[in-house]
Amino acid sequence: MAKKIFIVDDDPNTCQLMRRILEKDGFEVIQDVNGQNAWDRLAEWREAATKGGQPLTSNVNLVVTDIEMPSMDGHTLCRKIKDDPVLKDLPVVLFSSLINDQLY
C-alpha cells in the first residue's frame, strides 16, 4: 500500500511538479489549495480515525505545506496539527519559494 502524502499549496505549478515526482516514486498524492481546506480535511480524517477505529495513516502519512497561502498559512496549519492530540504525530514539512530574512 502506497504512503499517502498530502500536499497543500496554492500554486498549481508547484503542486504538479511535486505530484509528478512523488507519484513516480510510488507515493499516493492528495492535494489542497489552502490551509483552511487542508485543516477541514484533516479534521474529517481525524474523526474517521477516532470514530471508525481506523488508523490515521489509512488517509494520510505526511503533510507537505507551503508557508504562504490564502485562508490559513502553513505555519498556522502546522501549529494546529501539532496541538491536536490525534494529529500531533503526523509529520509535517514546511516549504516556501519565498525566502527572506524574516524566515531565519
PDB file of N, CA and C in Angstrom:
ATOM      1  N   MET A   1       0.839  -1.183   0.000  1.00  0.00           N
ATOM      2  CA  MET A   1       0.000   0.000   0.000  1.00  0.00           C
ATOM      3  C   MET A   1       0.885   1.248   0.000  1.00  0.00           C
ATOM      4  N   ALA A   2       0.608   2.160  -0.911  1.00  0.00           N
ATOM      5  CA  ALA A   2       1.426   3.364  -1.056  1.00  0.00           C
ATOM      6  C   ALA A   2       1.222   4.320   0.117  1.00  0.00           C
ATOM      7  N   LYS A   3       2.294   4.958   0.530  1.00  0.00           N
ATOM      8  CA  LYS A   3       2.208   6.009   1.542  1.00  0.00           C
ATOM      9  C   LYS A   3       1.492   7.203   0.932  1.00  0.00           C
ATOM     10  N   LYS A   4       0.677   7.884   1.742  1.00  0.00           N
ATOM     11  CA  LYS A   4      -0.136   8.992   1.257  1.00  0.00           C
ATOM     12  C   LYS A   4       0.434  10.321   1.733  1.00  0.00           C
ATOM     13  N   ILE A   5       0.768  11.161   0.772  1.00  0.00           N
ATOM     14  CA  ILE A   5       1.328  12.475   1.068  1.00  0.00           C
ATOM     15  C   ILE A   5       0.302  13.538   0.705  1.00  0.00           C
ATOM     16  N   PHE A   6       0.020  14.410   1.647  1.00  0.00           N
ATOM     17  CA  PHE A   6      -0.948  15.483   1.484  1.00  0.00           C
ATOM     18  C   PHE A   6      -0.189  16.772   1.192  1.00  0.00           C
ATOM     19  N   ILE A   7      -0.275  17.256  -0.046  1.00  0.00           N
ATOM     20  CA  ILE A   7       0.390  18.483  -0.458  1.00  0.00           C
ATOM     21  C   ILE A   7      -0.610  19.631  -0.370  1.00  0.00           C
ATOM     22  N   VAL A   8      -0.193  20.700   0.314  1.00  0.00           N
ATOM     23  CA  VAL A   8      -1.054  21.867   0.469  1.00  0.00           C
ATOM     24  C   VAL A   8      -0.292  23.077  -0.076  1.00  0.00           C
ATOM     25  N   ASP A   9      -0.765  23.589  -1.210  1.00  0.00           N
ATOM     26  CA  ASP A   9      -0.100  24.715  -1.857  1.00  0.00           C
ATOM     27  C   ASP A   9      -1.072  25.367  -2.821  1.00  0.00           C
ATOM     28  N   ASP A  10      -1.052  26.690  -2.871  1.00  0.00           N
ATOM     29  CA  ASP A  10      -1.950  27.409  -3.763  1.00  0.00           C
ATOM     30  C   ASP A  10      -1.371  27.607  -5.161  1.00  0.00           C
ATOM     31  N   ASP A  11      -0.139  27.185  -5.384  1.00  0.00           N
ATOM     32  CA  ASP A  11       0.484  27.310  -6.706  1.00  0.00           C
ATOM     33  C   ASP A  11       0.324  26.001  -7.471  1.00  0.00           C
ATOM     34  N   PRO A  12      -0.488  25.994  -8.524  1.00  0.00           N
ATOM     35  CA  PRO A  12      -0.731  24.747  -9.262  1.00  0.00           C
ATOM     36  C   PRO A  12       0.525  24.174  -9.913  1.00  0.00           C
ATOM     37  N   ASN A  13       1.472  25.026 -10.309  1.00  0.00           N
ATOM     38  CA  ASN A  13       2.699  24.522 -10.927  1.00  0.00           C
ATOM     39  C   ASN A  13       3.562  23.757  -9.923  1.00  0.00           C
ATOM     40  N   THR A  14       3.656  24.283  -8.716  1.00  0.00           N
ATOM     41  CA  THR A  14       4.419  23.597  -7.668  1.00  0.00           C
ATOM     42  C   THR A  14       3.761  22.269  -7.323  1.00  0.00           C
ATOM     43  N   CYS A  15       2.442  22.281  -7.196  1.00  0.00           N
ATOM     44  CA  CYS A  15       1.707  21.049  -6.886  1.00  0.00           C
ATOM     45  C   CYS A  15       1.916  19.998  -7.970  1.00  0.00           C
ATOM     46  N   GLN A  16       1.832  20.426  -9.205  1.00  0.00           N
ATOM     47  CA  GLN A  16       2.001  19.491 -10.315  1.00  0.00           C
ATOM     48  C   GLN A  16       3.407  18.889 -10.313  1.00  0.00           C
ATOM     49  N   LEU A  17       4.411  19.720 -10.075  1.00  0.00           N
ATOM     50  CA  LEU A  17       5.795  19.233 -10.036  1.00  0.00           C
ATOM     51  C   LEU A  17       5.982  18.226  -8.903  1.00  0.00           C
ATOM     52  N   MET A  18       5.524  18.573  -7.699  1.00  0.00           N
ATOM     53  CA  MET A  18       5.672  17.654  -6.564  1.00  0.00           C
ATOM     54  C   MET A  18       4.898  16.363  -6.800  1.00  0.00           C
ATOM     55  N   ARG A  19       3.689  16.475  -7.319  1.00  0.00           N
ATOM     56  CA  ARG A  19       2.869  15.290  -7.593  1.00  0.00           C
ATOM     57  C   ARG A  19       3.587  14.351  -8.555  1.00  0.00           C
ATOM     58  N   ARG A  20       4.098  14.906  -9.629  1.00  0.00           N
ATOM     59  CA  ARG A  20       4.775  14.088 -10.640  1.00  0.00           C
ATOM     60  C   ARG A  20       5.974  13.345 -10.044  1.00  0.00           C
ATOM     61  N   ILE A  21       6.767  14.040  -9.265  1.00  0.00           N
ATOM     62  CA  ILE A  21       7.956  13.426  -8.657  1.00  0.00           C
ATOM     63  C   ILE A  21       7.561  12.349  -7.653  1.00  0.00           C
ATOM     64  N   LEU A  22       6.617  12.672  -6.770  1.00  0.00           N
ATOM     65  CA  LEU A  22       6.227  11.736  -5.713  1.00  0.00           C
ATOM     66  C   LEU A  22       5.503  10.513  -6.263  1.00  0.00           C
ATOM     67  N   GLU A  23       4.618  10.709  -7.223  1.00  0.00           N
ATOM     68  CA  GLU A  23       3.916   9.561  -7.801  1.00  0.00           C
ATOM     69  C   GLU A  23       4.876   8.657  -8.564  1.00  0.00           C
ATOM     70  N   LYS A  24       5.883   9.243  -9.191  1.00  0.00           N
ATOM     71  CA  LYS A  24       6.897   8.448  -9.883  1.00  0.00           C
ATOM     72  C   LYS A  24       7.633   7.538  -8.896  1.00  0.00           C
ATOM     73  N   ASP A  25       7.785   8.018  -7.664  1.00  0.00           N
ATOM     74  CA  ASP A  25       8.456   7.240  -6.619  1.00  0.00           C
ATOM     75  C   ASP A  25       7.493   6.350  -5.832  1.00  0.00           C
ATOM     76  N   GLY A  26       6.241   6.246  -6.281  1.00  0.00           N
ATOM     77  CA  GLY A  26       5.312   5.289  -5.697  1.00  0.00           C
ATOM     78  C   GLY A  26       4.409   5.809  -4.597  1.00  0.00           C
ATOM     79  N   PHE A  27       4.429   7.119  -4.330  1.00  0.00           N
ATOM     80  CA  PHE A  27       3.563   7.683  -3.303  1.00  0.00           C
ATOM     81  C   PHE A  27       2.201   8.024  -3.888  1.00  0.00           C
ATOM     82  N   GLU A  28       1.187   7.964  -3.052  1.00  0.00           N
ATOM     83  CA  GLU A  28      -0.134   8.471  -3.424  1.00  0.00           C
ATOM     84  C   GLU A  28      -0.199   9.921  -2.965  1.00  0.00           C
ATOM     85  N   VAL A  29      -0.628  10.812  -3.841  1.00  0.00           N
ATOM     86  CA  VAL A  29      -0.643  12.243  -3.542  1.00  0.00           C
ATOM     87  C   VAL A  29      -2.075  12.754  -3.466  1.00  0.00           C
ATOM     88  N   ILE A  30      -2.339  13.489  -2.394  1.00  0.00           N
ATOM     89  CA  ILE A  30      -3.603  14.174  -2.180  1.00  0.00           C
ATOM     90  C   ILE A  30      -3.251  15.659  -2.142  1.00  0.00           C
ATOM     91  N   GLN A  31      -4.072  16.507  -2.739  1.00  0.00           N
ATOM     92  CA  GLN A  31      -3.743  17.925  -2.799  1.00  0.00           C
ATOM     93  C   GLN A  31      -4.876  18.796  -2.284  1.00  0.00           C
ATOM     94  N   ASP A  32      -4.490  19.974  -1.794  1.00  0.00           N
ATOM     95  CA  ASP A  32      -5.452  21.017  -1.483  1.00  0.00           C
ATOM     96  C   ASP A  32      -4.776  22.358  -1.705  1.00  0.00           C
ATOM     97  N   VAL A  33      -5.598  23.423  -1.792  1.00  0.00           N
ATOM     98  CA  VAL A  33      -5.079  24.721  -2.224  1.00  0.00           C
ATOM     99  C   VAL A  33      -4.856  25.733  -1.107  1.00  0.00           C
ATOM    100  N   ASN A  34      -5.302  25.442   0.106  1.00  0.00           N
ATOM    101  CA  ASN A  34      -5.017  26.366   1.201  1.00  0.00           C
ATOM    102  C   ASN A  34      -5.109  25.648   2.540  1.00  0.00           C
ATOM    103  N   GLY A  35      -4.582  26.306   3.549  1.00  0.00           N
ATOM    104  CA  GLY A  35      -4.514  25.692   4.863  1.00  0.00           C
ATOM    105  C   GLY A  35      -5.864  25.407   5.496  1.00  0.00           C
ATOM    106  N   GLN A  36      -6.842  26.266   5.260  1.00  0.00           N
ATOM    107  CA  GLN A  36      -8.158  26.029   5.860  1.00  0.00           C
ATOM    108  C   GLN A  36      -8.807  24.783   5.276  1.00  0.00           C
ATOM    109  N   ASN A  37      -8.767  24.636   3.960  1.00  0.00           N
ATOM    110  CA  ASN A  37      -9.304  23.422   3.332  1.00  0.00           C
ATOM    111  C   ASN A  37      -8.571  22.187   3.850  1.00  0.00           C
ATOM    112  N   ALA A  38      -7.255  22.304   3.958  1.00  0.00           N
ATOM    113  CA  ALA A  38      -6.456  21.175   4.443  1.00  0.00           C
ATOM    114  C   ALA A  38      -6.836  20.825   5.879  1.00  0.00           C
ATOM    115  N   TRP A  39      -6.996  21.841   6.729  1.00  0.00           N
ATOM    116  CA  TRP A  39      -7.371  21.592   8.121  1.00  0.00           C
ATOM    117  C   TRP A  39      -8.728  20.895   8.202  1.00  0.00           C
ATOM    118  N   ASP A  40      -9.676  21.358   7.371  1.00  0.00           N
ATOM    119  CA  ASP A  40     -11.000  20.737   7.355  1.00  0.00           C
ATOM    120  C   ASP A  40     -10.908  19.267   6.951  1.00  0.00           C
ATOM    121  N   ARG A  41     -10.081  18.977   5.966  1.00  0.00           N
ATOM    122  CA  ARG A  41      -9.924  17.590   5.514  1.00  0.00           C
ATOM    123  C   ARG A  41      -9.234  16.755   6.592  1.00  0.00           C
ATOM    124  N   LEU A  42      -8.207  17.315   7.230  1.00  0.00           N
ATOM    125  CA  LEU A  42      -7.530  16.608   8.314  1.00  0.00           C
ATOM    126  C   LEU A  42      -8.490  16.324   9.468  1.00  0.00           C
ATOM    127  N   ALA A  43      -9.376  17.275   9.759  1.00  0.00           N
ATOM    128  CA  ALA A  43     -10.365  17.063  10.821  1.00  0.00           C
ATOM    129  C   ALA A  43     -11.306  15.917  10.466  1.00  0.00           C
ATOM    130  N   GLU A  44     -11.693  15.811   9.201  1.00  0.00           N
ATOM    131  CA  GLU A  44     -12.527  14.684   8.759  1.00  0.00           C
ATOM    132  C   GLU A  44     -11.784  13.365   8.942  1.00  0.00           C
ATOM    133  N   TRP A  45     -10.518  13.335   8.566  1.00  0.00           N
ATOM    134  CA  TRP A  45      -9.721  12.116   8.714  1.00  0.00           C
ATOM    135  C   TRP A  45      -9.525  11.769  10.180  1.00  0.00           C
ATOM    136  N   ARG A  46      -9.343  12.801  11.010  1.00  0.00           N
ATOM    137  CA  ARG A  46      -9.206  12.576  12.457  1.00  0.00           C
ATOM    138  C   ARG A  46     -10.472  11.932  13.007  1.00  0.00           C
ATOM    139  N   GLU A  47     -11.626  12.454  12.615  1.00  0.00           N
ATOM    140  CA  GLU A  47     -12.904  11.894  13.073  1.00  0.00           C
ATOM    141  C   GLU A  47     -13.076  10.460  12.599  1.00  0.00           C
ATOM    142  N   ALA A  48     -12.721  10.201  11.355  1.00  0.00           N
ATOM    143  CA  ALA A  48     -12.829   8.834  10.833  1.00  0.00           C
ATOM    144  C   ALA A  48     -11.913   7.895  11.614  1.00  0.00           C
ATOM    145  N   ALA A  49     -10.746   8.384  11.976  1.00  0.00           N
ATOM    146  CA  ALA A  49      -9.797   7.549  12.720  1.00  0.00           C
ATOM    147  C   ALA A  49     -10.287   7.272  14.136  1.00  0.00           C
ATOM    148  N   THR A  50     -10.862   8.277  14.780  1.00  0.00           N
ATOM    149  CA  THR A  50     -11.291   8.080  16.164  1.00  0.00           C
ATOM    150  C   THR A  50     -12.621   7.348  16.262  1.00  0.00           C
ATOM    151  N   LYS A  51     -13.561   7.663  15.393  1.00  0.00           N
ATOM    152  CA  LYS A  51     -14.880   7.029  15.457  1.00  0.00           C
ATOM    153  C   LYS A  51     -14.916   5.666  14.778  1.00  0.00           C
ATOM    154  N   GLY A  52     -14.188   5.541  13.686  1.00  0.00           N
ATOM    155  CA  GLY A  52     -14.243   4.303  12.919  1.00  0.00           C
ATOM    156  C   GLY A  52     -13.202   3.286  13.317  1.00  0.00           C
ATOM    157  N   GLY A  53     -12.328   3.665  14.229  1.00  0.00           N
ATOM    158  CA  GLY A  53     -11.305   2.732  14.673  1.00  0.00           C
ATOM    159  C   GLY A  53     -10.223   2.459  13.642  1.00  0.00           C
ATOM    160  N   GLN A  54     -10.195   3.241  12.579  1.00  0.00           N
ATOM    161  CA  GLN A  54      -9.145   3.047  11.576  1.00  0.00           C
ATOM    162  C   GLN A  54      -7.966   3.961  11.895  1.00  0.00           C
ATOM    163  N   PRO A  55      -6.768   3.581  11.541  1.00  0.00           N
ATOM    164  CA  PRO A  55      -5.618   4.438  11.814  1.00  0.00           C
ATOM    165  C   PRO A  55      -5.641   5.676  10.920  1.00  0.00           C
ATOM    166  N   LEU A  56      -5.102   6.759  11.422  1.00  0.00           N
ATOM    167  CA  LEU A  56      -4.991   7.985  10.645  1.00  0.00           C
ATOM    168  C   LEU A  56      -4.213   7.739   9.358  1.00  0.00           C
ATOM    169  N   THR A  57      -3.244   6.834   9.426  1.00  0.00           N
ATOM    170  CA  THR A  57      -2.411   6.544   8.266  1.00  0.00           C
ATOM    171  C   THR A  57      -3.168   5.888   7.119  1.00  0.00           C
ATOM    172  N   SER A  58      -4.412   5.491   7.340  1.00  0.00           N
ATOM    173  CA  SER A  58      -5.192   4.980   6.224  1.00  0.00           C
ATOM    174  C   SER A  58      -5.590   6.122   5.288  1.00  0.00           C
ATOM    175  N   ASN A  59      -5.499   7.367   5.770  1.00  0.00           N
ATOM    176  CA  ASN A  59      -5.820   8.536   4.951  1.00  0.00           C
ATOM    177  C   ASN A  59      -4.618   9.411   4.626  1.00  0.00           C
ATOM    178  N   VAL A  60      -3.649   9.502   5.541  1.00  0.00           N
ATOM    179  CA  VAL A  60      -2.514  10.397   5.331  1.00  0.00           C
ATOM    180  C   VAL A  60      -1.320   9.925   6.158  1.00  0.00           C
ATOM    181  N   ASN A  61      -0.127  10.032   5.546  1.00  0.00           N
ATOM    182  CA  ASN A  61       1.115   9.673   6.246  1.00  0.00           C
ATOM    183  C   ASN A  61       2.035  10.869   6.467  1.00  0.00           C
ATOM    184  N   LEU A  62       1.874  11.914   5.650  1.00  0.00           N
ATOM    185  CA  LEU A  62       2.761  13.076   5.695  1.00  0.00           C
ATOM    186  C   LEU A  62       2.039  14.267   5.099  1.00  0.00           C
ATOM    187  N   VAL A  63       2.249  15.446   5.694  1.00  0.00           N
ATOM    188  CA  VAL A  63       1.736  16.696   5.136  1.00  0.00           C
ATOM    189  C   VAL A  63       2.925  17.526   4.668  1.00  0.00           C
ATOM    190  N   VAL A  64       2.859  18.008   3.435  1.00  0.00           N
ATOM    191  CA  VAL A  64       3.856  18.930   2.888  1.00  0.00           C
ATOM    192  C   VAL A  64       3.096  20.205   2.559  1.00  0.00           C
ATOM    193  N   THR A  65       3.453  21.303   3.222  1.00  0.00           N
ATOM    194  CA  THR A  65       2.680  22.530   3.047  1.00  0.00           C
ATOM    195  C   THR A  65       3.548  23.742   2.774  1.00  0.00           C
ATOM    196  N   ASP A  66       3.047  24.574   1.886  1.00  0.00           N
ATOM    197  CA  ASP A  66       3.649  25.873   1.632  1.00  0.00           C
ATOM    198  C   ASP A  66       3.447  26.735   2.879  1.00  0.00           C
ATOM    199  N   ILE A  67       4.322  27.687   3.082  1.00  0.00           N
ATOM    200  CA  ILE A  67       4.181  28.581   4.228  1.00  0.00           C
ATOM    201  C   ILE A  67       3.148  29.664   3.945  1.00  0.00           C
ATOM    202  N   GLU A  68       3.252  30.301   2.778  1.00  0.00           N
ATOM    203  CA  GLU A  68       2.367  31.420   2.459  1.00  0.00           C
ATOM    204  C   GLU A  68       1.231  30.964   1.557  1.00  0.00           C
ATOM    205  N   MET A  69       0.002  31.026   2.104  1.00  0.00           N
ATOM    206  CA  MET A  69      -1.195  30.633   1.360  1.00  0.00           C
ATOM    207  C   MET A  69      -2.370  31.476   1.834  1.00  0.00           C
ATOM    208  N   PRO A  70      -3.412  31.562   1.020  1.00  0.00           N
ATOM    209  CA  PRO A  70      -4.628  32.248   1.466  1.00  0.00           C
ATOM    210  C   PRO A  70      -5.409  31.397   2.465  1.00  0.00           C
ATOM    211  N   SER A  71      -6.296  32.025   3.186  1.00  0.00           N
ATOM    212  CA  SER A  71      -7.221  31.408   4.146  1.00  0.00           C
ATOM    213  C   SER A  71      -6.559  30.930   5.432  1.00  0.00           C
ATOM    214  N   MET A  72      -5.472  30.184   5.341  1.00  0.00           N
ATOM    215  CA  MET A  72      -4.695  29.791   6.519  1.00  0.00           C
ATOM    216  C   MET A  72      -3.287  29.459   6.030  1.00  0.00           C
ATOM    217  N   ASP A  73      -2.290  30.092   6.640  1.00  0.00           N
ATOM    218  CA  ASP A  73      -0.917  29.846   6.185  1.00  0.00           C
ATOM    219  C   ASP A  73      -0.385  28.522   6.735  1.00  0.00           C
ATOM    220  N   GLY A  74       0.734  28.104   6.197  1.00  0.00           N
ATOM    221  CA  GLY A  74       1.335  26.826   6.579  1.00  0.00           C
ATOM    222  C   GLY A  74       1.788  26.765   8.024  1.00  0.00           C
ATOM    223  N   HIS A  75       2.274  27.906   8.564  1.00  0.00           N
ATOM    224  CA  HIS A  75       2.662  27.925   9.980  1.00  0.00           C
ATOM    225  C   HIS A  75       1.474  27.611  10.873  1.00  0.00           C
ATOM    226  N   THR A  76       0.352  28.249  10.590  1.00  0.00           N
ATOM    227  CA  THR A  76      -0.845  28.035  11.391  1.00  0.00           C
ATOM    228  C   THR A  76      -1.349  26.601  11.247  1.00  0.00           C
ATOM    229  N   LEU A  77      -1.346  26.109  10.024  1.00  0.00           N
ATOM    230  CA  LEU A  77      -1.760  24.717   9.796  1.00  0.00           C
ATOM    231  C   LEU A  77      -0.877  23.762  10.592  1.00  0.00           C
ATOM    232  N   CYS A  78       0.420  23.954  10.540  1.00  0.00           N
ATOM    233  CA  CYS A  78       1.348  23.094  11.281  1.00  0.00           C
ATOM    234  C   CYS A  78       1.090  23.190  12.782  1.00  0.00           C
ATOM    235  N   ARG A  79       0.886  24.387  13.287  1.00  0.00           N
ATOM    236  CA  ARG A  79       0.630  24.572  14.715  1.00  0.00           C
ATOM    237  C   ARG A  79      -0.643  23.839  15.143  1.00  0.00           C
ATOM    238  N   LYS A  80      -1.700  23.938  14.316  1.00  0.00           N
ATOM    239  CA  LYS A  80      -2.952  23.264  14.642  1.00  0.00           C
ATOM    240  C   LYS A  80      -2.769  21.741  14.639  1.00  0.00           C
ATOM    241  N   ILE A  81      -1.998  21.231  13.692  1.00  0.00           N
ATOM    242  CA  ILE A  81      -1.737  19.791  13.635  1.00  0.00           C
ATOM    243  C   ILE A  81      -0.983  19.354  14.887  1.00  0.00           C
ATOM    244  N   LYS A  82       0.056  20.072  15.250  1.00  0.00           N
ATOM    245  CA  LYS A  82       0.895  19.686  16.385  1.00  0.00           C
ATOM    246  C   LYS A  82       0.205  19.895  17.729  1.00  0.00           C
ATOM    247  N   ASP A  83      -0.808  20.759  17.778  1.00  0.00           N
ATOM    248  CA  ASP A  83      -1.573  20.972  19.008  1.00  0.00           C
ATOM    249  C   ASP A  83      -2.722  19.986  19.165  1.00  0.00           C
ATOM    250  N   ASP A  84      -3.024  19.234  18.127  1.00  0.00           N
ATOM    251  CA  ASP A  84      -4.140  18.301  18.159  1.00  0.00           C
ATOM    252  C   ASP A  84      -3.680  16.955  18.729  1.00  0.00           C
ATOM    253  N   PRO A  85      -4.396  16.398  19.717  1.00  0.00           N
ATOM    254  CA  PRO A  85      -3.954  15.152  20.341  1.00  0.00           C
ATOM    255  C   PRO A  85      -3.924  13.945  19.403  1.00  0.00           C
ATOM    256  N   VAL A  86      -4.739  13.932  18.360  1.00  0.00           N
ATOM    257  CA  VAL A  86      -4.753  12.803  17.426  1.00  0.00           C
ATOM    258  C   VAL A  86      -3.763  13.020  16.286  1.00  0.00           C
ATOM    259  N   LEU A  87      -3.640  14.252  15.818  1.00  0.00           N
ATOM    260  CA  LEU A  87      -2.810  14.555  14.645  1.00  0.00           C
ATOM    261  C   LEU A  87      -1.357  14.878  14.986  1.00  0.00           C
ATOM    262  N   LYS A  88      -1.042  15.085  16.244  1.00  0.00           N
ATOM    263  CA  LYS A  88       0.262  15.622  16.647  1.00  0.00           C
ATOM    264  C   LYS A  88       1.471  14.817  16.160  1.00  0.00           C
ATOM    265  N   ASP A  89       1.319  13.528  15.941  1.00  0.00           N
ATOM    266  CA  ASP A  89       2.447  12.713  15.495  1.00  0.00           C
ATOM    267  C   ASP A  89       2.573  12.647  13.978  1.00  0.00           C
ATOM    268  N   LEU A  90       1.658  13.305  13.267  1.00  0.00           N
ATOM    269  CA  LEU A  90       1.706  13.341  11.812  1.00  0.00           C
ATOM    270  C   LEU A  90       2.881  14.214  11.373  1.00  0.00           C
ATOM    271  N   PRO A  91       3.804  13.688  10.587  1.00  0.00           N
ATOM    272  CA  PRO A  91       4.933  14.504  10.131  1.00  0.00           C
ATOM    273  C   PRO A  91       4.464  15.618   9.201  1.00  0.00           C
ATOM    274  N   VAL A  92       5.058  16.795   9.372  1.00  0.00           N
ATOM    275  CA  VAL A  92       4.743  17.963   8.545  1.00  0.00           C
ATOM    276  C   VAL A  92       6.042  18.561   8.028  1.00  0.00           C
ATOM    277  N   VAL A  93       6.072  18.848   6.727  1.00  0.00           N
ATOM    278  CA  VAL A  93       7.195  19.539   6.103  1.00  0.00           C
ATOM    279  C   VAL A  93       6.692  20.885   5.626  1.00  0.00           C
ATOM    280  N   LEU A  94       7.319  21.965   6.084  1.00  0.00           N
ATOM    281  CA  LEU A  94       7.003  23.315   5.631  1.00  0.00           C
ATOM    282  C   LEU A  94       8.010  23.727   4.572  1.00  0.00           C
ATOM    283  N   PHE A  95       7.535  24.375   3.511  1.00  0.00           N
ATOM    284  CA  PHE A  95       8.452  24.878   2.495  1.00  0.00           C
ATOM    285  C   PHE A  95       7.944  26.213   1.982  1.00  0.00           C
ATOM    286  N   SER A  96       8.843  26.938   1.331  1.00  0.00           N
ATOM    287  CA  SER A  96       8.458  28.204   0.723  1.00  0.00           C
ATOM    288  C   SER A  96       9.380  28.506  -0.436  1.00  0.00           C
ATOM    289  N   SER A  97       8.810  29.066  -1.478  1.00  0.00           N
ATOM    290  CA  SER A  97       9.633  29.535  -2.586  1.00  0.00           C
ATOM    291  C   SER A  97      10.068  30.973  -2.333  1.00  0.00           C
ATOM    292  N   LEU A  98       9.507  31.594  -1.312  1.00  0.00           N
ATOM    293  CA  LEU A  98       9.847  32.966  -0.953  1.00  0.00           C
ATOM    294  C   LEU A  98      10.746  32.952   0.273  1.00  0.00           C
ATOM    295  N   ILE A  99      12.010  33.197   0.073  1.00  0.00           N
ATOM    296  CA  ILE A  99      12.964  33.226   1.174  1.00  0.00           C
ATOM    297  C   ILE A  99      13.360  34.674   1.445  1.00  0.00           C
ATOM    298  N   ASN A 100      13.273  35.063   2.710  1.00  0.00           N
ATOM    299  CA  ASN A 100      13.706  36.398   3.108  1.00  0.00           C
ATOM    300  C   ASN A 100      14.285  36.328   4.517  1.00  0.00           C
ATOM    301  N   ASP A 101      14.810  37.456   4.982  1.00  0.00           N
ATOM    302  CA  ASP A 101      15.464  37.485   6.289  1.00  0.00           C
ATOM    303  C   ASP A 101      14.513  37.172   7.444  1.00  0.00           C
ATOM    304  N   GLN A 102      13.204  37.395   7.293  1.00  0.00           N
ATOM    305  CA  GLN A 102      12.250  37.122   8.354  1.00  0.00           C
ATOM    306  C   GLN A 102      12.077  35.641   8.624  1.00  0.00           C
ATOM    307  N   LEU A 103      12.437  34.793   7.683  1.00  0.00           N
ATOM    308  CA  LEU A 103      12.282  33.345   7.844  1.00  0.00           C
ATOM    309  C   LEU A 103      13.417  32.728   8.648  1.00  0.00           C
ATOM    310  N   TYR A 104      14.477  33.482   8.884  1.00  0.00           N
ATOM    311  CA  TYR A 104      15.616  32.934   9.636  1.00  0.00           C
ATOM    312  C   TYR A 104      15.475  33.165  11.102  1.00  0.00           C
TER     313      TYR A 104
END
